[in-house]
Amino acid sequence: MSCEITERTSNSVVTVVGILSQLFGVNDRWAVIGSANLAIRGEKIQPSDRLAVSISHMACLDFALSTSKTIQSYYATTTVCGMSIDVMADAAILTRNGTWQRLDAWSKSIEYVQTKAGLVPLTTLAFERNVYLLLGDRERVQRIDSTWGTAV
């Protein structure tokens, strides 16, 4: 397979997600999270350099425990069509009160959105909004609320 993504857009993310569907398989529990999730839904943002995917088990990648300022997870990176992809398993976020909170609910918060590349597994907007609230990212919460409403 040979392809190169030259621009980070929701269409390029959808293309890569279609390939990921084939790599991870239909029985694996996984979903697109973060800014790529919002871009696929049509928010007028450019997804970050990296596509973030959460997966329920250690797939065929080399995972290592990683801790950033706000997220701790088993983490791997891979590249598909020139797009870097962050793959996380067993994630936890550092909440505003300084405690780590596991994000186990993500796997029960998956919905499938129809795109040009087929059905794409995304975490629900309610899940994304809650994560941004826990992280204290008011700007993202406001973007979700103004685009889709507070009843997500």
C-alpha atoms as a PDB file:
ATOM      1  CA  MET A   1       0.000   0.000   0.000  1.00  0.00           C
ATOM      2  CA  SER A   2       1.406   3.377  -0.949  1.00  0.00           C
ATOM      3  CA  CYS A   3      -0.077   6.776  -0.232  1.00  0.00           C
ATOM      4  CA  GLU A   4       0.957  10.116   1.195  1.00  0.00           C
ATOM      5  CA  ILE A   5      -1.216  12.605   3.019  1.00  0.00           C
ATOM      6  CA  THR A   6       0.064  16.108   2.326  1.00  0.00           C
ATOM      7  CA  GLU A   7      -2.591  18.136   4.148  1.00  0.00           C
ATOM      8  CA  ARG A   8      -4.209  17.528   7.544  1.00  0.00           C
ATOM      9  CA  THR A   9      -7.920  17.813   6.810  1.00  0.00           C
ATOM     10  CA  SER A  10     -10.988  15.906   7.909  1.00  0.00           C
ATOM     11  CA  ASN A  11     -10.951  14.097   4.532  1.00  0.00           C
ATOM     12  CA  SER A  12      -7.344  12.958   4.980  1.00  0.00           C
ATOM     13  CA  VAL A  13      -8.132  11.802   8.508  1.00  0.00           C
ATOM     14  CA  VAL A  14     -11.107   9.813   7.198  1.00  0.00           C
ATOM     15  CA  THR A  15      -8.867   8.191   4.572  1.00  0.00           C
ATOM     16  CA  VAL A  16      -6.371   7.099   7.212  1.00  0.00           C
ATOM     17  CA  VAL A  17      -9.152   5.911   9.525  1.00  0.00           C
ATOM     18  CA  GLY A  18     -10.445   3.707   6.696  1.00  0.00           C
ATOM     19  CA  ILE A  19      -7.006   2.097   6.518  1.00  0.00           C
ATOM     20  CA  LEU A  20      -6.885   1.723  10.311  1.00  0.00           C
ATOM     21  CA  SER A  21     -10.196  -0.146  10.160  1.00  0.00           C
ATOM     22  CA  GLN A  22      -8.467  -2.738   8.043  1.00  0.00           C
ATOM     23  CA  LEU A  23      -5.350  -2.847  10.248  1.00  0.00           C
ATOM     24  CA  PHE A  24      -7.105  -3.156  13.600  1.00  0.00           C
ATOM     25  CA  GLY A  25      -9.825  -5.459  12.320  1.00  0.00           C
ATOM     26  CA  VAL A  26     -13.540  -5.563  12.917  1.00  0.00           C
ATOM     27  CA  ASN A  27     -13.327  -7.358  16.268  1.00  0.00           C
ATOM     28  CA  ASP A  28     -10.974  -4.852  17.894  1.00  0.00           C
ATOM     29  CA  ARG A  29     -12.539  -2.148  20.046  1.00  0.00           C
ATOM     30  CA  TRP A  30     -11.103   1.203  18.956  1.00  0.00           C
ATOM     31  CA  ALA A  31     -12.212   4.766  18.267  1.00  0.00           C
ATOM     32  CA  VAL A  32     -10.918   8.102  17.009  1.00  0.00           C
ATOM     33  CA  ILE A  33     -10.627  10.655  19.808  1.00  0.00           C
ATOM     34  CA  GLY A  34      -9.725  14.319  20.253  1.00  0.00           C
ATOM     35  CA  SER A  35      -9.474  16.942  17.502  1.00  0.00           C
ATOM     36  CA  ALA A  36      -9.593  14.347  14.704  1.00  0.00           C
ATOM     37  CA  ASN A  37     -12.916  13.145  16.133  1.00  0.00           C
ATOM     38  CA  LEU A  38     -14.306  16.680  15.982  1.00  0.00           C
ATOM     39  CA  ALA A  39     -12.940  17.289  12.467  1.00  0.00           C
ATOM     40  CA  ILE A  40     -14.536  14.104  11.129  1.00  0.00           C
ATOM     41  CA  ARG A  41     -17.841  15.345  12.566  1.00  0.00           C
ATOM     42  CA  GLY A  42     -17.454  18.526  10.532  1.00  0.00           C
ATOM     43  CA  GLU A  43     -16.033  21.049  12.977  1.00  0.00           C
ATOM     44  CA  LYS A  44     -14.061  23.656  11.062  1.00  0.00           C
ATOM     45  CA  ILE A  45     -10.727  22.892  12.680  1.00  0.00           C
ATOM     46  CA  GLN A  46      -7.555  21.436  11.307  1.00  0.00           C
ATOM     47  CA  PRO A  47      -6.794  18.227  13.195  1.00  0.00           C
ATOM     48  CA  SER A  48      -3.518  18.183  15.100  1.00  0.00           C
ATOM     49  CA  ASP A  49      -0.412  16.732  13.453  1.00  0.00           C
ATOM     50  CA  ARG A  50      -1.237  13.390  14.951  1.00  0.00           C
ATOM     51  CA  LEU A  51      -4.357  11.305  14.798  1.00  0.00           C
ATOM     52  CA  ALA A  52      -5.241   9.965  18.245  1.00  0.00           C
ATOM     53  CA  VAL A  53      -6.845   6.541  18.501  1.00  0.00           C
ATOM     54  CA  SER A  54      -7.820   4.664  21.626  1.00  0.00           C
ATOM     55  CA  ILE A  55      -7.812   0.870  21.517  1.00  0.00           C
ATOM     56  CA  SER A  56      -9.032  -1.714  24.004  1.00  0.00           C
ATOM     57  CA  HIS A  57      -5.959  -3.938  23.993  1.00  0.00           C
ATOM     58  CA  MET A  58      -2.343  -3.968  22.917  1.00  0.00           C
ATOM     59  CA  ALA A  59      -2.750  -4.511  19.182  1.00  0.00           C
ATOM     60  CA  CYS A  60       0.098  -5.319  16.827  1.00  0.00           C
ATOM     61  CA  LEU A  61       2.140  -2.297  17.921  1.00  0.00           C
ATOM     62  CA  ASP A  62       5.026  -1.816  20.349  1.00  0.00           C
ATOM     63  CA  PHE A  63       3.430  -0.144  23.400  1.00  0.00           C
ATOM     64  CA  ALA A  64       5.203   1.506  26.332  1.00  0.00           C
ATOM     65  CA  LEU A  65       3.849   3.293  29.387  1.00  0.00           C
ATOM     66  CA  SER A  66       3.964   7.040  28.792  1.00  0.00           C
ATOM     67  CA  THR A  67       3.081  10.021  30.983  1.00  0.00           C
ATOM     68  CA  SER A  68       2.674  13.584  29.728  1.00  0.00           C
ATOM     69  CA  LYS A  69       1.510  16.631  31.680  1.00  0.00           C
ATOM     70  CA  THR A  70      -2.140  15.573  31.415  1.00  0.00           C
ATOM     71  CA  ILE A  71      -2.363  12.019  30.001  1.00  0.00           C
ATOM     72  CA  GLN A  72      -0.964   8.681  31.099  1.00  0.00           C
ATOM     73  CA  SER A  73      -1.426   5.599  28.934  1.00  0.00           C
ATOM     74  CA  TYR A  74       0.203   2.729  27.185  1.00  0.00           C
ATOM     75  CA  TYR A  75       1.275   4.458  24.034  1.00  0.00           C
ATOM     76  CA  ALA A  76       2.517   3.574  20.574  1.00  0.00           C
ATOM     77  CA  THR A  77       3.002   5.540  17.401  1.00  0.00           C
ATOM     78  CA  THR A  78       2.731   4.429  13.831  1.00  0.00           C
ATOM     79  CA  THR A  79       2.537   6.123  10.465  1.00  0.00           C
ATOM     80  CA  VAL A  80      -0.097   5.462   7.816  1.00  0.00           C
ATOM     81  CA  CYS A  81       0.086   7.309   4.495  1.00  0.00           C
ATOM     82  CA  GLY A  82       2.539   9.780   5.994  1.00  0.00           C
ATOM     83  CA  MET A  83       0.225  10.699   8.882  1.00  0.00           C
ATOM     84  CA  SER A  84       1.516  10.065  12.395  1.00  0.00           C
ATOM     85  CA  ILE A  85      -0.949   8.211  14.570  1.00  0.00           C
ATOM     86  CA  ASP A  86      -0.902   8.081  18.354  1.00  0.00           C
ATOM     87  CA  VAL A  87      -2.434   4.874  19.675  1.00  0.00           C
ATOM     88  CA  MET A  88      -3.353   4.762  23.356  1.00  0.00           C
ATOM     89  CA  ALA A  89      -4.535   1.962  25.609  1.00  0.00           C
ATOM     90  CA  ASP A  90      -5.599   2.115  29.267  1.00  0.00           C
ATOM     91  CA  ALA A  91      -5.570   5.914  29.305  1.00  0.00           C
ATOM     92  CA  ALA A  92      -5.972   8.154  32.348  1.00  0.00           C
ATOM     93  CA  ILE A  93      -6.097  11.943  32.518  1.00  0.00           C
ATOM     94  CA  LEU A  94      -4.823  14.285  35.180  1.00  0.00           C
ATOM     95  CA  THR A  95      -7.876  16.161  36.410  1.00  0.00           C
ATOM     96  CA  ARG A  96      -7.898  19.783  37.578  1.00  0.00           C
ATOM     97  CA  ASN A  97      -7.841  18.594  41.214  1.00  0.00           C
ATOM     98  CA  GLY A  98      -4.545  16.724  40.610  1.00  0.00           C
ATOM     99  CA  THR A  99      -5.820  13.128  40.579  1.00  0.00           C
ATOM    100  CA  TRP A 100      -5.489  10.599  37.760  1.00  0.00           C
ATOM    101  CA  GLN A 101      -8.819   9.408  36.397  1.00  0.00           C
ATOM    102  CA  ARG A 102      -8.965   6.325  34.171  1.00  0.00           C
ATOM    103  CA  LEU A 103     -10.952   6.722  30.970  1.00  0.00           C
ATOM    104  CA  ASP A 104     -12.527   3.284  30.935  1.00  0.00           C
ATOM    105  CA  ALA A 105     -15.851   4.678  29.725  1.00  0.00           C
ATOM    106  CA  TRP A 106     -14.488   5.400  26.236  1.00  0.00           C
ATOM    107  CA  SER A 107     -15.155   1.845  25.038  1.00  0.00           C
ATOM    108  CA  LYS A 108     -18.811   2.164  26.059  1.00  0.00           C
ATOM    109  CA  SER A 109     -19.032   5.599  24.408  1.00  0.00           C
ATOM    110  CA  ILE A 110     -18.455   4.661  20.785  1.00  0.00           C
ATOM    111  CA  GLU A 111     -20.755   5.609  17.958  1.00  0.00           C
ATOM    112  CA  TYR A 112     -20.264   4.968  14.264  1.00  0.00           C
ATOM    113  CA  VAL A 113     -20.428   7.915  11.877  1.00  0.00           C
ATOM    114  CA  GLN A 114     -20.870   7.400   8.145  1.00  0.00           C
ATOM    115  CA  THR A 115     -18.084   8.968   6.063  1.00  0.00           C
ATOM    116  CA  LYS A 116     -16.778   8.618   2.512  1.00  0.00           C
ATOM    117  CA  ALA A 117     -14.458   5.872   3.793  1.00  0.00           C
ATOM    118  CA  GLY A 118     -17.298   3.978   5.493  1.00  0.00           C
ATOM    119  CA  LEU A 119     -18.350   3.793   9.109  1.00  0.00           C
ATOM    120  CA  VAL A 120     -15.840   5.409  11.455  1.00  0.00           C
ATOM    121  CA  PRO A 121     -15.805   4.631  15.195  1.00  0.00           C
ATOM    122  CA  LEU A 122     -15.744   7.865  17.198  1.00  0.00           C
ATOM    123  CA  THR A 123     -16.113   8.466  20.901  1.00  0.00           C
ATOM    124  CA  THR A 124     -19.371  10.308  21.561  1.00  0.00           C
ATOM    125  CA  LEU A 125     -19.464  14.079  21.835  1.00  0.00           C
ATOM    126  CA  ALA A 126     -20.637  13.720  25.439  1.00  0.00           C
ATOM    127  CA  PHE A 127     -17.504  11.668  26.217  1.00  0.00           C
ATOM    128  CA  GLU A 128     -15.218  14.174  24.436  1.00  0.00           C
ATOM    129  CA  ARG A 129     -16.888  17.097  26.218  1.00  0.00           C
ATOM    130  CA  ASN A 130     -16.461  15.394  29.598  1.00  0.00           C
ATOM    131  CA  VAL A 131     -12.755  14.743  28.965  1.00  0.00           C
ATOM    132  CA  TYR A 132     -12.215  18.396  28.019  1.00  0.00           C
ATOM    133  CA  LEU A 133     -14.084  19.468  31.164  1.00  0.00           C
ATOM    134  CA  LEU A 134     -11.878  17.229  33.319  1.00  0.00           C
ATOM    135  CA  LEU A 135      -8.776  18.649  31.634  1.00  0.00           C
ATOM    136  CA  GLY A 136     -10.019  22.210  32.170  1.00  0.00           C
ATOM    137  CA  ASP A 137     -10.013  22.948  28.432  1.00  0.00           C
ATOM    138  CA  ARG A 138     -12.840  25.495  28.403  1.00  0.00           C
ATOM    139  CA  GLU A 139     -12.195  26.524  24.805  1.00  0.00           C
ATOM    140  CA  ARG A 140     -12.849  22.984  23.508  1.00  0.00           C
ATOM    141  CA  VAL A 141     -15.944  22.635  25.696  1.00  0.00           C
ATOM    142  CA  GLN A 142     -17.261  25.935  24.304  1.00  0.00           C
ATOM    143  CA  ARG A 143     -16.536  24.802  20.729  1.00  0.00           C
ATOM    144  CA  ILE A 144     -18.488  21.585  21.266  1.00  0.00           C
ATOM    145  CA  ASP A 145     -21.352  23.474  22.919  1.00  0.00           C
ATOM    146  CA  SER A 146     -21.537  26.140  20.213  1.00  0.00           C
ATOM    147  CA  THR A 147     -21.316  23.642  17.345  1.00  0.00           C
ATOM    148  CA  TRP A 148     -23.536  20.829  18.635  1.00  0.00           C
ATOM    149  CA  GLY A 149     -25.284  22.272  21.689  1.00  0.00           C
ATOM    150  CA  THR A 150     -24.869  21.522  25.388  1.00  0.00           C
ATOM    151  CA  ALA A 151     -27.226  18.535  25.294  1.00  0.00           C
ATOM    152  CA  VAL A 152     -24.679  16.234  23.621  1.00  0.00           C
END
